[in-house]
All heavy atoms as atom14 arrays in JSON, in Angstrom:
{
  "sequence": "VPLLILDLTGVDFCDSSALGAFVDIHRRRSDAGHRFALTGL",
  "atom14_mask": [
    [1, 1, 1, 1, 1, 1, 1, 0, 0, 0, 0, 0, 0, 0],
    [1, 1, 1, 1, 1, 1, 1, 0, 0, 0, 0, 0, 0, 0],
    [1, 1, 1, 1, 1, 1, 1, 1, 0, 0, 0, 0, 0, 0],
    [1, 1, 1, 1, 1, 1, 1, 1, 0, 0, 0, 0, 0, 0],
    [1, 1, 1, 1, 1, 1, 1, 1, 0, 0, 0, 0, 0, 0],
    [1, 1, 1, 1, 1, 1, 1, 1, 0, 0, 0, 0, 0, 0],
    [1, 1, 1, 1, 1, 1, 1, 1, 0, 0, 0, 0, 0, 0],
    [1, 1, 1, 1, 1, 1, 1, 1, 0, 0, 0, 0, 0, 0],
    [1, 1, 1, 1, 1, 1, 1, 0, 0, 0, 0, 0, 0, 0],
    [1, 1, 1, 1, 0, 0, 0, 0, 0, 0, 0, 0, 0, 0],
    [1, 1, 1, 1, 1, 1, 1, 0, 0, 0, 0, 0, 0, 0],
    [1, 1, 1, 1, 1, 1, 1, 1, 0, 0, 0, 0, 0, 0],
    [1, 1, 1, 1, 1, 1, 1, 1, 1, 1, 1, 0, 0, 0],
    [1, 1, 1, 1, 1, 1, 0, 0, 0, 0, 0, 0, 0, 0],
    [1, 1, 1, 1, 1, 1, 1, 1, 0, 0, 0, 0, 0, 0],
    [1, 1, 1, 1, 1, 1, 0, 0, 0, 0, 0, 0, 0, 0],
    [1, 1, 1, 1, 1, 1, 0, 0, 0, 0, 0, 0, 0, 0],
    [1, 1, 1, 1, 1, 0, 0, 0, 0, 0, 0, 0, 0, 0],
    [1, 1, 1, 1, 1, 1, 1, 1, 0, 0, 0, 0, 0, 0],
    [1, 1, 1, 1, 0, 0, 0, 0, 0, 0, 0, 0, 0, 0],
    [1, 1, 1, 1, 1, 0, 0, 0, 0, 0, 0, 0, 0, 0],
    [1, 1, 1, 1, 1, 1, 1, 1, 1, 1, 1, 0, 0, 0],
    [1, 1, 1, 1, 1, 1, 1, 0, 0, 0, 0, 0, 0, 0],
    [1, 1, 1, 1, 1, 1, 1, 1, 0, 0, 0, 0, 0, 0],
    [1, 1, 1, 1, 1, 1, 1, 1, 0, 0, 0, 0, 0, 0],
    [1, 1, 1, 1, 1, 1, 1, 1, 1, 1, 0, 0, 0, 0],
    [1, 1, 1, 1, 1, 1, 1, 1, 1, 1, 1, 0, 0, 0],
    [1, 1, 1, 1, 1, 1, 1, 1, 1, 1, 1, 0, 0, 0],
    [1, 1, 1, 1, 1, 1, 1, 1, 1, 1, 1, 0, 0, 0],
    [1, 1, 1, 1, 1, 1, 0, 0, 0, 0, 0, 0, 0, 0],
    [1, 1, 1, 1, 1, 1, 1, 1, 0, 0, 0, 0, 0, 0],
    [1, 1, 1, 1, 1, 0, 0, 0, 0, 0, 0, 0, 0, 0],
    [1, 1, 1, 1, 0, 0, 0, 0, 0, 0, 0, 0, 0, 0],
    [1, 1, 1, 1, 1, 1, 1, 1, 1, 1, 0, 0, 0, 0],
    [1, 1, 1, 1, 1, 1, 1, 1, 1, 1, 1, 0, 0, 0],
    [1, 1, 1, 1, 1, 1, 1, 1, 1, 1, 1, 0, 0, 0],
    [1, 1, 1, 1, 1, 0, 0, 0, 0, 0, 0, 0, 0, 0],
    [1, 1, 1, 1, 1, 1, 1, 1, 0, 0, 0, 0, 0, 0],
    [1, 1, 1, 1, 1, 1, 1, 0, 0, 0, 0, 0, 0, 0],
    [1, 1, 1, 1, 0, 0, 0, 0, 0, 0, 0, 0, 0, 0],
    [1, 1, 1, 1, 1, 1, 1, 1, 0, 0, 0, 0, 0, 0]
  ],
  "atom14_positions": [
    [[72.96, 35.67, 37.48], [74.13, 35.07, 36.62], [75.08, 36.23, 36.45], [74.89, 37.37, 36.17], [73.53, 34.54, 35.29], [73.1, 35.59, 34.3], [74.51, 33.65, 34.68], [0.0, 0.0, 0.0], [0.0, 0.0, 0.0], [0.0, 0.0, 0.0], [0.0, 0.0, 0.0], [0.0, 0.0, 0.0], [0.0, 0.0, 0.0], [0.0, 0.0, 0.0]],
    [[76.42, 35.73, 36.63], [77.46, 36.79, 36.56], [77.71, 37.32, 35.19], [78.09, 38.48, 35.05], [78.76, 36.05, 36.98], [78.21, 34.83, 37.85], [76.91, 34.51, 37.29], [0.0, 0.0, 0.0], [0.0, 0.0, 0.0], [0.0, 0.0, 0.0], [0.0, 0.0, 0.0], [0.0, 0.0, 0.0], [0.0, 0.0, 0.0], [0.0, 0.0, 0.0]],
    [[77.4, 36.64, 34.12], [77.58, 37.03, 32.78], [76.36, 36.79, 31.98], [76.03, 35.66, 31.81], [78.84, 36.45, 32.13], [79.03, 36.71, 30.57], [79.26, 38.15, 30.24], [80.27, 35.89, 30.13], [0.0, 0.0, 0.0], [0.0, 0.0, 0.0], [0.0, 0.0, 0.0], [0.0, 0.0, 0.0], [0.0, 0.0, 0.0], [0.0, 0.0, 0.0]],
    [[75.71, 37.77, 31.44], [74.48, 37.56, 30.53], [74.93, 37.95, 29.1], [75.41, 39.12, 28.87], [73.42, 38.41, 31.02], [72.03, 38.42, 30.25], [71.61, 37.0, 30.12], [70.99, 39.33, 30.85], [0.0, 0.0, 0.0], [0.0, 0.0, 0.0], [0.0, 0.0, 0.0], [0.0, 0.0, 0.0], [0.0, 0.0, 0.0], [0.0, 0.0, 0.0]],
    [[74.79, 37.01, 28.28], [75.11, 37.25, 26.81], [73.78, 37.2, 26.02], [73.07, 36.28, 26.04], [76.14, 36.12, 26.25], [77.38, 36.11, 27.18], [76.37, 36.41, 24.73], [78.25, 34.84, 26.9], [0.0, 0.0, 0.0], [0.0, 0.0, 0.0], [0.0, 0.0, 0.0], [0.0, 0.0, 0.0], [0.0, 0.0, 0.0], [0.0, 0.0, 0.0]],
    [[73.6, 38.3, 25.26], [72.38, 38.4, 24.39], [72.89, 38.08, 23.01], [73.56, 38.89, 22.35], [71.8, 39.73, 24.58], [70.44, 40.0, 24.12], [69.42, 39.11, 24.84], [70.04, 41.4, 24.47], [0.0, 0.0, 0.0], [0.0, 0.0, 0.0], [0.0, 0.0, 0.0], [0.0, 0.0, 0.0], [0.0, 0.0, 0.0], [0.0, 0.0, 0.0]],
    [[72.47, 36.99, 22.43], [72.77, 36.58, 21.0], [71.77, 37.08, 20.15], [70.63, 36.57, 20.21], [72.98, 35.02, 20.97], [73.32, 34.57, 19.6], [73.48, 35.4, 18.71], [73.54, 33.31, 19.46], [0.0, 0.0, 0.0], [0.0, 0.0, 0.0], [0.0, 0.0, 0.0], [0.0, 0.0, 0.0], [0.0, 0.0, 0.0], [0.0, 0.0, 0.0]],
    [[72.09, 38.09, 19.33], [71.14, 38.74, 18.37], [71.22, 38.26, 17.01], [70.72, 38.89, 16.02], [71.33, 40.25, 18.52], [71.19, 40.91, 19.9], [71.38, 42.41, 19.75], [69.78, 40.63, 20.37], [0.0, 0.0, 0.0], [0.0, 0.0, 0.0], [0.0, 0.0, 0.0], [0.0, 0.0, 0.0], [0.0, 0.0, 0.0], [0.0, 0.0, 0.0]],
    [[71.77, 37.01, 16.8], [71.88, 36.48, 15.41], [70.58, 36.41, 14.77], [70.44, 36.67, 13.53], [72.52, 35.06, 15.43], [73.71, 35.17, 16.19], [72.73, 34.38, 14.19], [0.0, 0.0, 0.0], [0.0, 0.0, 0.0], [0.0, 0.0, 0.0], [0.0, 0.0, 0.0], [0.0, 0.0, 0.0], [0.0, 0.0, 0.0], [0.0, 0.0, 0.0]],
    [[69.49, 36.2, 15.41], [68.16, 36.12, 14.76], [67.4, 37.41, 14.75], [66.15, 37.44, 14.52], [0.0, 0.0, 0.0], [0.0, 0.0, 0.0], [0.0, 0.0, 0.0], [0.0, 0.0, 0.0], [0.0, 0.0, 0.0], [0.0, 0.0, 0.0], [0.0, 0.0, 0.0], [0.0, 0.0, 0.0], [0.0, 0.0, 0.0], [0.0, 0.0, 0.0]],
    [[68.07, 38.51, 15.05], [67.35, 39.83, 15.06], [67.86, 40.65, 13.8], [69.08, 40.99, 13.84], [67.71, 40.63, 16.31], [67.15, 41.98, 16.32], [67.24, 39.81, 17.53], [0.0, 0.0, 0.0], [0.0, 0.0, 0.0], [0.0, 0.0, 0.0], [0.0, 0.0, 0.0], [0.0, 0.0, 0.0], [0.0, 0.0, 0.0], [0.0, 0.0, 0.0]],
    [[66.96, 41.04, 12.99], [67.39, 41.82, 11.83], [66.79, 43.23, 11.83], [67.04, 44.05, 11.03], [67.06, 41.14, 10.51], [65.55, 40.98, 10.31], [64.76, 41.35, 11.15], [65.21, 40.33, 9.29], [0.0, 0.0, 0.0], [0.0, 0.0, 0.0], [0.0, 0.0, 0.0], [0.0, 0.0, 0.0], [0.0, 0.0, 0.0], [0.0, 0.0, 0.0]],
    [[66.11, 43.61, 12.94], [65.52, 44.91, 13.14], [65.37, 45.27, 14.6], [65.1, 44.5, 15.45], [64.13, 44.96, 12.5], [63.45, 46.34, 12.72], [63.91, 47.44, 11.99], [62.59, 46.57, 13.74], [63.24, 48.73, 12.33], [62.06, 47.83, 14.17], [62.42, 48.83, 13.3], [0.0, 0.0, 0.0], [0.0, 0.0, 0.0], [0.0, 0.0, 0.0]],
    [[65.85, 46.55, 14.99], [65.63, 47.06, 16.24], [65.34, 48.59, 16.23], [65.9, 49.18, 15.23], [66.75, 46.73, 17.29], [68.31, 47.48, 17.0], [0.0, 0.0, 0.0], [0.0, 0.0, 0.0], [0.0, 0.0, 0.0], [0.0, 0.0, 0.0], [0.0, 0.0, 0.0], [0.0, 0.0, 0.0], [0.0, 0.0, 0.0], [0.0, 0.0, 0.0]],
    [[64.63, 49.02, 17.04], [64.4, 50.46, 17.04], [64.8, 51.05, 18.39], [65.55, 50.37, 19.12], [62.74, 50.75, 16.83], [61.94, 50.26, 18.04], [62.43, 49.8, 18.99], [60.69, 50.53, 17.8], [0.0, 0.0, 0.0], [0.0, 0.0, 0.0], [0.0, 0.0, 0.0], [0.0, 0.0, 0.0], [0.0, 0.0, 0.0], [0.0, 0.0, 0.0]],
    [[64.39, 52.28, 18.71], [64.92, 52.97, 19.76], [64.51, 52.22, 21.13], [65.3, 52.36, 22.22], [64.51, 54.5, 19.87], [63.05, 54.49, 19.95], [0.0, 0.0, 0.0], [0.0, 0.0, 0.0], [0.0, 0.0, 0.0], [0.0, 0.0, 0.0], [0.0, 0.0, 0.0], [0.0, 0.0, 0.0], [0.0, 0.0, 0.0], [0.0, 0.0, 0.0]],
    [[63.33, 51.55, 21.1], [63.01, 50.81, 22.35], [63.96, 49.78, 22.57], [64.27, 49.48, 23.78], [61.56, 50.27, 21.99], [60.61, 51.11, 21.86], [0.0, 0.0, 0.0], [0.0, 0.0, 0.0], [0.0, 0.0, 0.0], [0.0, 0.0, 0.0], [0.0, 0.0, 0.0], [0.0, 0.0, 0.0], [0.0, 0.0, 0.0], [0.0, 0.0, 0.0]],
    [[64.52, 49.11, 21.55], [65.51, 47.98, 21.77], [66.8, 48.68, 22.32], [67.43, 48.06, 23.25], [65.85, 47.42, 20.36], [0.0, 0.0, 0.0], [0.0, 0.0, 0.0], [0.0, 0.0, 0.0], [0.0, 0.0, 0.0], [0.0, 0.0, 0.0], [0.0, 0.0, 0.0], [0.0, 0.0, 0.0], [0.0, 0.0, 0.0], [0.0, 0.0, 0.0]],
    [[67.22, 49.75, 21.71], [68.39, 50.41, 22.23], [68.19, 50.79, 23.71], [69.19, 50.56, 24.49], [68.75, 51.68, 21.4], [68.88, 51.41, 20.01], [69.33, 52.76, 19.25], [69.92, 50.36, 19.58], [0.0, 0.0, 0.0], [0.0, 0.0, 0.0], [0.0, 0.0, 0.0], [0.0, 0.0, 0.0], [0.0, 0.0, 0.0], [0.0, 0.0, 0.0]],
    [[67.04, 51.38, 24.11], [66.89, 51.63, 25.46], [66.9, 50.36, 26.36], [67.38, 50.45, 27.53], [0.0, 0.0, 0.0], [0.0, 0.0, 0.0], [0.0, 0.0, 0.0], [0.0, 0.0, 0.0], [0.0, 0.0, 0.0], [0.0, 0.0, 0.0], [0.0, 0.0, 0.0], [0.0, 0.0, 0.0], [0.0, 0.0, 0.0], [0.0, 0.0, 0.0]],
    [[66.35, 49.34, 25.82], [66.39, 48.09, 26.57], [67.76, 47.57, 26.89], [68.23, 47.12, 27.89], [65.51, 47.03, 25.92], [0.0, 0.0, 0.0], [0.0, 0.0, 0.0], [0.0, 0.0, 0.0], [0.0, 0.0, 0.0], [0.0, 0.0, 0.0], [0.0, 0.0, 0.0], [0.0, 0.0, 0.0], [0.0, 0.0, 0.0], [0.0, 0.0, 0.0]],
    [[68.7, 47.61, 25.79], [70.0, 47.18, 25.94], [70.84, 48.02, 26.95], [71.59, 47.6, 27.8], [70.74, 47.32, 24.59], [70.24, 46.52, 23.42], [70.51, 46.84, 22.15], [69.51, 45.39, 23.68], [69.92, 46.07, 21.17], [69.08, 44.54, 22.69], [69.18, 44.99, 21.38], [0.0, 0.0, 0.0], [0.0, 0.0, 0.0], [0.0, 0.0, 0.0]],
    [[70.53, 49.46, 26.87], [71.25, 50.35, 27.88], [70.8, 50.09, 29.27], [71.48, 49.96, 30.23], [71.08, 51.75, 27.38], [71.55, 52.71, 28.47], [71.71, 52.13, 26.06], [0.0, 0.0, 0.0], [0.0, 0.0, 0.0], [0.0, 0.0, 0.0], [0.0, 0.0, 0.0], [0.0, 0.0, 0.0], [0.0, 0.0, 0.0], [0.0, 0.0, 0.0]],
    [[69.43, 49.79, 29.47], [68.79, 49.57, 30.81], [69.44, 48.39, 31.32], [69.84, 48.31, 32.45], [67.35, 49.44, 30.56], [66.66, 49.28, 31.91], [67.11, 49.86, 33.01], [65.6, 48.61, 31.98], [0.0, 0.0, 0.0], [0.0, 0.0, 0.0], [0.0, 0.0, 0.0], [0.0, 0.0, 0.0], [0.0, 0.0, 0.0], [0.0, 0.0, 0.0]],
    [[69.5, 47.26, 30.55], [70.12, 45.94, 31.05], [71.42, 46.19, 31.38], [72.09, 45.66, 32.45], [69.8, 44.86, 30.05], [68.43, 44.5, 29.95], [70.67, 43.61, 30.48], [67.7, 44.01, 31.19], [0.0, 0.0, 0.0], [0.0, 0.0, 0.0], [0.0, 0.0, 0.0], [0.0, 0.0, 0.0], [0.0, 0.0, 0.0], [0.0, 0.0, 0.0]],
    [[72.19, 46.74, 30.65], [73.66, 47.08, 30.78], [73.9, 47.82, 32.01], [74.74, 47.53, 32.95], [74.27, 47.8, 29.61], [75.72, 48.16, 29.84], [76.69, 47.14, 29.88], [76.41, 49.35, 29.87], [77.97, 47.76, 30.08], [77.7, 49.02, 30.0], [0.0, 0.0, 0.0], [0.0, 0.0, 0.0], [0.0, 0.0, 0.0], [0.0, 0.0, 0.0]],
    [[73.11, 48.79, 32.22], [73.16, 49.69, 33.47], [72.89, 48.76, 34.82], [73.6, 48.82, 35.78], [72.27, 50.87, 33.43], [72.29, 51.81, 34.69], [71.21, 52.72, 34.69], [69.87, 52.3, 34.52], [69.13, 51.56, 35.45], [69.59, 51.48, 36.62], [67.93, 51.16, 35.08], [0.0, 0.0, 0.0], [0.0, 0.0, 0.0], [0.0, 0.0, 0.0]],
    [[71.7, 48.02, 34.76], [71.25, 47.32, 35.86], [72.33, 46.2, 36.19], [72.67, 46.02, 37.33], [70.01, 46.54, 35.52], [68.8, 47.41, 35.47], [67.52, 46.55, 35.23], [66.37, 47.29, 34.75], [65.14, 46.93, 35.05], [65.0, 45.9, 35.75], [64.19, 47.62, 34.67], [0.0, 0.0, 0.0], [0.0, 0.0, 0.0], [0.0, 0.0, 0.0]],
    [[73.01, 45.67, 35.22], [73.91, 44.6, 35.57], [75.27, 45.24, 35.94], [75.88, 44.64, 36.92], [74.16, 43.76, 34.22], [72.76, 42.84, 33.88], [73.0, 41.87, 32.9], [74.09, 40.93, 33.39], [73.93, 40.01, 34.25], [72.78, 39.82, 34.86], [74.92, 39.16, 34.47], [0.0, 0.0, 0.0], [0.0, 0.0, 0.0], [0.0, 0.0, 0.0]],
    [[75.61, 46.25, 35.48], [76.85, 46.96, 35.98], [76.59, 47.41, 37.35], [77.46, 47.23, 38.2], [77.16, 48.15, 35.11], [77.49, 47.87, 33.81], [0.0, 0.0, 0.0], [0.0, 0.0, 0.0], [0.0, 0.0, 0.0], [0.0, 0.0, 0.0], [0.0, 0.0, 0.0], [0.0, 0.0, 0.0], [0.0, 0.0, 0.0], [0.0, 0.0, 0.0]],
    [[75.51, 48.03, 37.68], [75.24, 48.33, 39.12], [75.28, 47.24, 40.09], [75.66, 47.37, 41.18], [73.9, 49.14, 39.09], [73.8, 50.5, 38.51], [74.85, 50.95, 38.16], [72.65, 50.99, 38.45], [0.0, 0.0, 0.0], [0.0, 0.0, 0.0], [0.0, 0.0, 0.0], [0.0, 0.0, 0.0], [0.0, 0.0, 0.0], [0.0, 0.0, 0.0]],
    [[74.85, 46.04, 39.65], [74.93, 44.83, 40.43], [76.25, 44.15, 40.39], [76.45, 43.01, 41.07], [73.79, 43.91, 39.97], [0.0, 0.0, 0.0], [0.0, 0.0, 0.0], [0.0, 0.0, 0.0], [0.0, 0.0, 0.0], [0.0, 0.0, 0.0], [0.0, 0.0, 0.0], [0.0, 0.0, 0.0], [0.0, 0.0, 0.0], [0.0, 0.0, 0.0]],
    [[77.2, 44.67, 39.6], [78.52, 44.03, 39.51], [78.61, 42.78, 38.64], [79.55, 41.98, 38.73], [0.0, 0.0, 0.0], [0.0, 0.0, 0.0], [0.0, 0.0, 0.0], [0.0, 0.0, 0.0], [0.0, 0.0, 0.0], [0.0, 0.0, 0.0], [0.0, 0.0, 0.0], [0.0, 0.0, 0.0], [0.0, 0.0, 0.0], [0.0, 0.0, 0.0]],
    [[77.71, 42.78, 37.64], [77.67, 41.66, 36.73], [77.94, 42.26, 35.32], [77.72, 43.4, 35.07], [76.25, 41.01, 36.63], [75.85, 40.33, 37.97], [76.61, 39.51, 38.76], [74.77, 40.51, 38.81], [76.12, 39.11, 39.85], [74.92, 39.71, 39.92], [0.0, 0.0, 0.0], [0.0, 0.0, 0.0], [0.0, 0.0, 0.0], [0.0, 0.0, 0.0]],
    [[78.23, 41.38, 34.47], [78.57, 41.65, 33.11], [77.5, 41.33, 32.11], [76.58, 40.49, 32.28], [79.81, 40.82, 32.61], [81.18, 41.18, 33.43], [82.33, 40.29, 33.2], [82.56, 40.22, 31.72], [82.88, 39.12, 31.13], [83.4, 38.14, 31.79], [83.22, 39.13, 29.69], [0.0, 0.0, 0.0], [0.0, 0.0, 0.0], [0.0, 0.0, 0.0]],
    [[77.47, 42.06, 31.03], [76.57, 41.96, 29.87], [77.31, 42.1, 28.57], [78.19, 42.89, 28.44], [75.47, 43.11, 30.06], [74.49, 43.19, 28.99], [73.56, 42.06, 28.81], [74.43, 44.3, 28.14], [72.56, 42.16, 27.82], [73.39, 44.33, 27.13], [72.67, 43.31, 26.94], [0.0, 0.0, 0.0], [0.0, 0.0, 0.0], [0.0, 0.0, 0.0]],
    [[76.86, 41.29, 27.56], [77.46, 41.42, 26.25], [76.5, 41.19, 25.22], [75.5, 40.35, 25.4], [78.61, 40.51, 26.17], [0.0, 0.0, 0.0], [0.0, 0.0, 0.0], [0.0, 0.0, 0.0], [0.0, 0.0, 0.0], [0.0, 0.0, 0.0], [0.0, 0.0, 0.0], [0.0, 0.0, 0.0], [0.0, 0.0, 0.0], [0.0, 0.0, 0.0]],
    [[76.58, 41.86, 23.99], [75.73, 41.57, 22.86], [76.6, 40.82, 21.68], [77.79, 41.15, 21.65], [75.38, 42.85, 22.24], [74.41, 43.8, 23.11], [74.27, 45.14, 22.25], [73.15, 43.07, 23.36], [0.0, 0.0, 0.0], [0.0, 0.0, 0.0], [0.0, 0.0, 0.0], [0.0, 0.0, 0.0], [0.0, 0.0, 0.0], [0.0, 0.0, 0.0]],
    [[76.02, 39.78, 21.18], [76.77, 39.03, 20.03], [75.78, 38.84, 18.86], [74.72, 39.01, 18.97], [77.26, 37.72, 20.56], [76.1, 36.83, 20.78], [78.11, 37.72, 21.86], [0.0, 0.0, 0.0], [0.0, 0.0, 0.0], [0.0, 0.0, 0.0], [0.0, 0.0, 0.0], [0.0, 0.0, 0.0], [0.0, 0.0, 0.0], [0.0, 0.0, 0.0]],
    [[76.59, 38.53, 17.76], [75.84, 38.09, 16.54], [75.01, 39.29, 15.87], [73.9, 39.02, 15.39], [0.0, 0.0, 0.0], [0.0, 0.0, 0.0], [0.0, 0.0, 0.0], [0.0, 0.0, 0.0], [0.0, 0.0, 0.0], [0.0, 0.0, 0.0], [0.0, 0.0, 0.0], [0.0, 0.0, 0.0], [0.0, 0.0, 0.0], [0.0, 0.0, 0.0]],
    [[75.51, 40.43, 15.94], [74.83, 41.63, 15.37], [74.7, 41.5, 13.81], [75.82, 41.36, 13.2], [75.47, 42.94, 15.66], [75.7, 43.3, 17.15], [76.29, 44.62, 17.32], [74.35, 43.18, 17.83], [0.0, 0.0, 0.0], [0.0, 0.0, 0.0], [0.0, 0.0, 0.0], [0.0, 0.0, 0.0], [0.0, 0.0, 0.0], [0.0, 0.0, 0.0]]
  ]
}
């Protein structure tokens, strides 16, 4: 999918594992020429 949006409205806690996952997905998608966004923080 060209644009992946992660809606975090229902997330009230994240730790370093979550941050690592966000960065990993962002990197993978950028490398593939696709976009990624976080919403609802």
